[in-house]
Amino acid sequence: VMVSDGPHGLRKQETMEDHIGLGKSVKAICFPSASALACSFDRDLLYHLGTALGDECQAEN
């Protein structure tokens, strides 16, 4: 099990060396914050964002 905080997208470290999370994160998409997305009231947009985030998680599994 891998746990890391990525409140606006996936954040995965390449190694355990960088405890701050600045140096060796795997490149990923940074999505808008949840509060900004909620202001859109666009459920279709949120569905597609969830799909994209799921695809990214699967690719980095």
N, C-alpha and C. Protein backbone atom coordinates (compact mmCIF):
# COMPACT_ATOMS: atom_id res chain seq x y z
N VAL A 1 0.85 -1.17 0.00
CA VAL A 1 0.00 0.00 0.00
C VAL A 1 0.89 1.23 0.00
N MET A 2 0.59 2.17 -0.91
CA MET A 2 1.33 3.43 -0.96
C MET A 2 0.38 4.55 -0.59
N VAL A 3 0.82 5.42 0.31
CA VAL A 3 0.02 6.56 0.71
C VAL A 3 0.84 7.83 0.53
N SER A 4 0.29 8.82 -0.13
CA SER A 4 0.91 10.14 -0.24
C SER A 4 -0.19 11.15 -0.50
N ASP A 5 0.06 12.38 -0.09
CA ASP A 5 -0.98 13.39 -0.27
C ASP A 5 -0.86 14.02 -1.65
N GLY A 6 -1.95 14.08 -2.32
CA GLY A 6 -2.01 14.72 -3.62
C GLY A 6 -3.40 15.31 -3.78
N PRO A 7 -3.69 16.40 -3.07
CA PRO A 7 -5.07 16.89 -3.02
C PRO A 7 -5.63 17.36 -4.36
N HIS A 8 -4.79 17.63 -5.33
CA HIS A 8 -5.26 18.13 -6.62
C HIS A 8 -4.78 17.24 -7.75
N GLY A 9 -4.58 15.96 -7.46
CA GLY A 9 -4.11 15.01 -8.46
C GLY A 9 -3.23 13.96 -7.82
N LEU A 10 -2.65 13.15 -8.62
CA LEU A 10 -1.79 12.07 -8.16
C LEU A 10 -0.41 12.62 -7.80
N ARG A 11 0.14 12.20 -6.66
CA ARG A 11 1.52 12.53 -6.32
C ARG A 11 2.21 11.25 -5.90
N LYS A 12 3.17 10.84 -6.68
CA LYS A 12 3.89 9.60 -6.42
C LYS A 12 5.38 9.90 -6.42
N GLN A 13 6.07 9.45 -5.39
CA GLN A 13 7.51 9.63 -5.30
C GLN A 13 8.22 8.49 -6.01
N GLU A 14 9.30 8.80 -6.73
CA GLU A 14 10.10 7.76 -7.37
C GLU A 14 10.85 6.95 -6.33
N THR A 15 11.36 7.60 -5.30
CA THR A 15 12.10 6.92 -4.23
C THR A 15 11.63 7.45 -2.90
N MET A 16 12.08 6.82 -1.85
CA MET A 16 11.71 7.25 -0.51
C MET A 16 12.71 8.26 0.05
N GLU A 17 13.68 8.70 -0.74
CA GLU A 17 14.73 9.59 -0.26
C GLU A 17 14.22 10.98 0.09
N ASP A 18 13.30 11.50 -0.66
CA ASP A 18 12.85 12.88 -0.50
C ASP A 18 11.61 12.93 0.37
N HIS A 19 11.78 13.17 1.66
CA HIS A 19 10.64 13.17 2.57
C HIS A 19 9.76 14.41 2.43
N ILE A 20 10.27 15.47 1.79
CA ILE A 20 9.49 16.69 1.61
C ILE A 20 8.59 16.57 0.38
N GLY A 21 9.00 15.79 -0.60
CA GLY A 21 8.19 15.60 -1.79
C GLY A 21 8.46 16.61 -2.89
N LEU A 22 9.61 17.26 -2.85
CA LEU A 22 9.89 18.28 -3.85
C LEU A 22 10.77 17.78 -4.99
N GLY A 23 11.62 16.80 -4.72
CA GLY A 23 12.66 16.47 -5.69
C GLY A 23 12.34 15.42 -6.71
N LYS A 24 11.70 14.35 -6.33
CA LYS A 24 11.61 13.23 -7.25
C LYS A 24 10.19 12.73 -7.44
N SER A 25 9.25 13.62 -7.54
CA SER A 25 7.87 13.20 -7.82
C SER A 25 7.74 12.81 -9.28
N VAL A 26 6.94 11.79 -9.54
CA VAL A 26 6.64 11.39 -10.91
C VAL A 26 5.78 12.49 -11.53
N LYS A 27 6.04 12.86 -12.77
CA LYS A 27 5.24 13.90 -13.43
C LYS A 27 3.79 13.47 -13.51
N ALA A 28 2.90 14.41 -13.21
CA ALA A 28 1.48 14.11 -13.19
C ALA A 28 0.69 15.38 -13.49
N ILE A 29 -0.59 15.19 -13.76
CA ILE A 29 -1.50 16.31 -14.00
C ILE A 29 -1.89 16.92 -12.66
N CYS A 30 -1.94 18.22 -12.59
CA CYS A 30 -2.46 18.93 -11.42
C CYS A 30 -3.84 19.46 -11.79
N PHE A 31 -4.86 18.92 -11.15
CA PHE A 31 -6.23 19.32 -11.43
C PHE A 31 -6.61 20.53 -10.59
N PRO A 32 -7.64 21.27 -10.98
CA PRO A 32 -8.13 22.37 -10.14
C PRO A 32 -8.60 21.85 -8.79
N SER A 33 -8.61 22.71 -7.80
CA SER A 33 -9.04 22.30 -6.46
C SER A 33 -10.50 21.86 -6.47
N ALA A 34 -10.85 21.03 -5.49
CA ALA A 34 -12.22 20.52 -5.41
C ALA A 34 -13.23 21.65 -5.24
N SER A 35 -12.87 22.68 -4.45
CA SER A 35 -13.82 23.79 -4.25
C SER A 35 -14.05 24.56 -5.55
N ALA A 36 -13.02 24.73 -6.37
CA ALA A 36 -13.19 25.41 -7.66
C ALA A 36 -14.03 24.56 -8.61
N LEU A 37 -13.81 23.26 -8.62
CA LEU A 37 -14.60 22.37 -9.48
C LEU A 37 -16.06 22.37 -9.07
N ALA A 38 -16.32 22.39 -7.77
CA ALA A 38 -17.70 22.40 -7.29
C ALA A 38 -18.45 23.65 -7.74
N CYS A 39 -17.74 24.75 -7.87
CA CYS A 39 -18.38 26.00 -8.31
C CYS A 39 -18.86 25.92 -9.76
N SER A 40 -18.36 24.95 -10.51
CA SER A 40 -18.79 24.83 -11.91
C SER A 40 -20.19 24.23 -12.03
N PHE A 41 -20.62 23.46 -11.03
CA PHE A 41 -21.90 22.76 -11.06
C PHE A 41 -22.04 21.88 -12.31
N ASP A 42 -20.92 21.44 -12.86
CA ASP A 42 -20.91 20.66 -14.10
C ASP A 42 -20.57 19.21 -13.77
N ARG A 43 -21.58 18.39 -13.61
CA ARG A 43 -21.37 16.99 -13.24
C ARG A 43 -20.63 16.21 -14.31
N ASP A 44 -20.86 16.56 -15.57
CA ASP A 44 -20.16 15.88 -16.67
C ASP A 44 -18.66 16.17 -16.60
N LEU A 45 -18.31 17.41 -16.32
CA LEU A 45 -16.90 17.79 -16.17
C LEU A 45 -16.26 17.00 -15.03
N LEU A 46 -16.96 16.91 -13.90
CA LEU A 46 -16.42 16.17 -12.75
C LEU A 46 -16.28 14.69 -13.06
N TYR A 47 -17.21 14.13 -13.82
CA TYR A 47 -17.10 12.73 -14.22
C TYR A 47 -15.83 12.52 -15.06
N HIS A 48 -15.60 13.40 -16.03
CA HIS A 48 -14.41 13.26 -16.89
C HIS A 48 -13.12 13.48 -16.09
N LEU A 49 -13.15 14.38 -15.13
CA LEU A 49 -11.98 14.58 -14.28
C LEU A 49 -11.70 13.31 -13.47
N GLY A 50 -12.74 12.72 -12.91
CA GLY A 50 -12.57 11.47 -12.17
C GLY A 50 -12.03 10.35 -13.03
N THR A 51 -12.50 10.28 -14.26
CA THR A 51 -12.00 9.27 -15.20
C THR A 51 -10.52 9.51 -15.49
N ALA A 52 -10.14 10.76 -15.73
CA ALA A 52 -8.74 11.09 -16.01
C ALA A 52 -7.85 10.78 -14.81
N LEU A 53 -8.31 11.09 -13.61
CA LEU A 53 -7.54 10.80 -12.41
C LEU A 53 -7.39 9.29 -12.22
N GLY A 54 -8.46 8.54 -12.46
CA GLY A 54 -8.39 7.09 -12.38
C GLY A 54 -7.44 6.49 -13.40
N ASP A 55 -7.47 7.02 -14.62
CA ASP A 55 -6.55 6.55 -15.66
C ASP A 55 -5.10 6.81 -15.25
N GLU A 56 -4.85 7.97 -14.67
CA GLU A 56 -3.49 8.31 -14.25
C GLU A 56 -3.03 7.39 -13.11
N CYS A 57 -3.92 7.11 -12.19
CA CYS A 57 -3.58 6.18 -11.09
C CYS A 57 -3.26 4.80 -11.63
N GLN A 58 -4.05 4.32 -12.58
CA GLN A 58 -3.80 3.01 -13.17
C GLN A 58 -2.47 2.98 -13.91
N ALA A 59 -2.12 4.06 -14.59
CA ALA A 59 -0.86 4.12 -15.34
C ALA A 59 0.34 4.10 -14.41
N GLU A 60 0.20 4.63 -13.21
CA GLU A 60 1.32 4.70 -12.26
C GLU A 60 1.26 3.60 -11.21
N ASN A 61 0.38 2.64 -11.37
CA ASN A 61 0.23 1.56 -10.40
C ASN A 61 1.45 0.69 -10.36
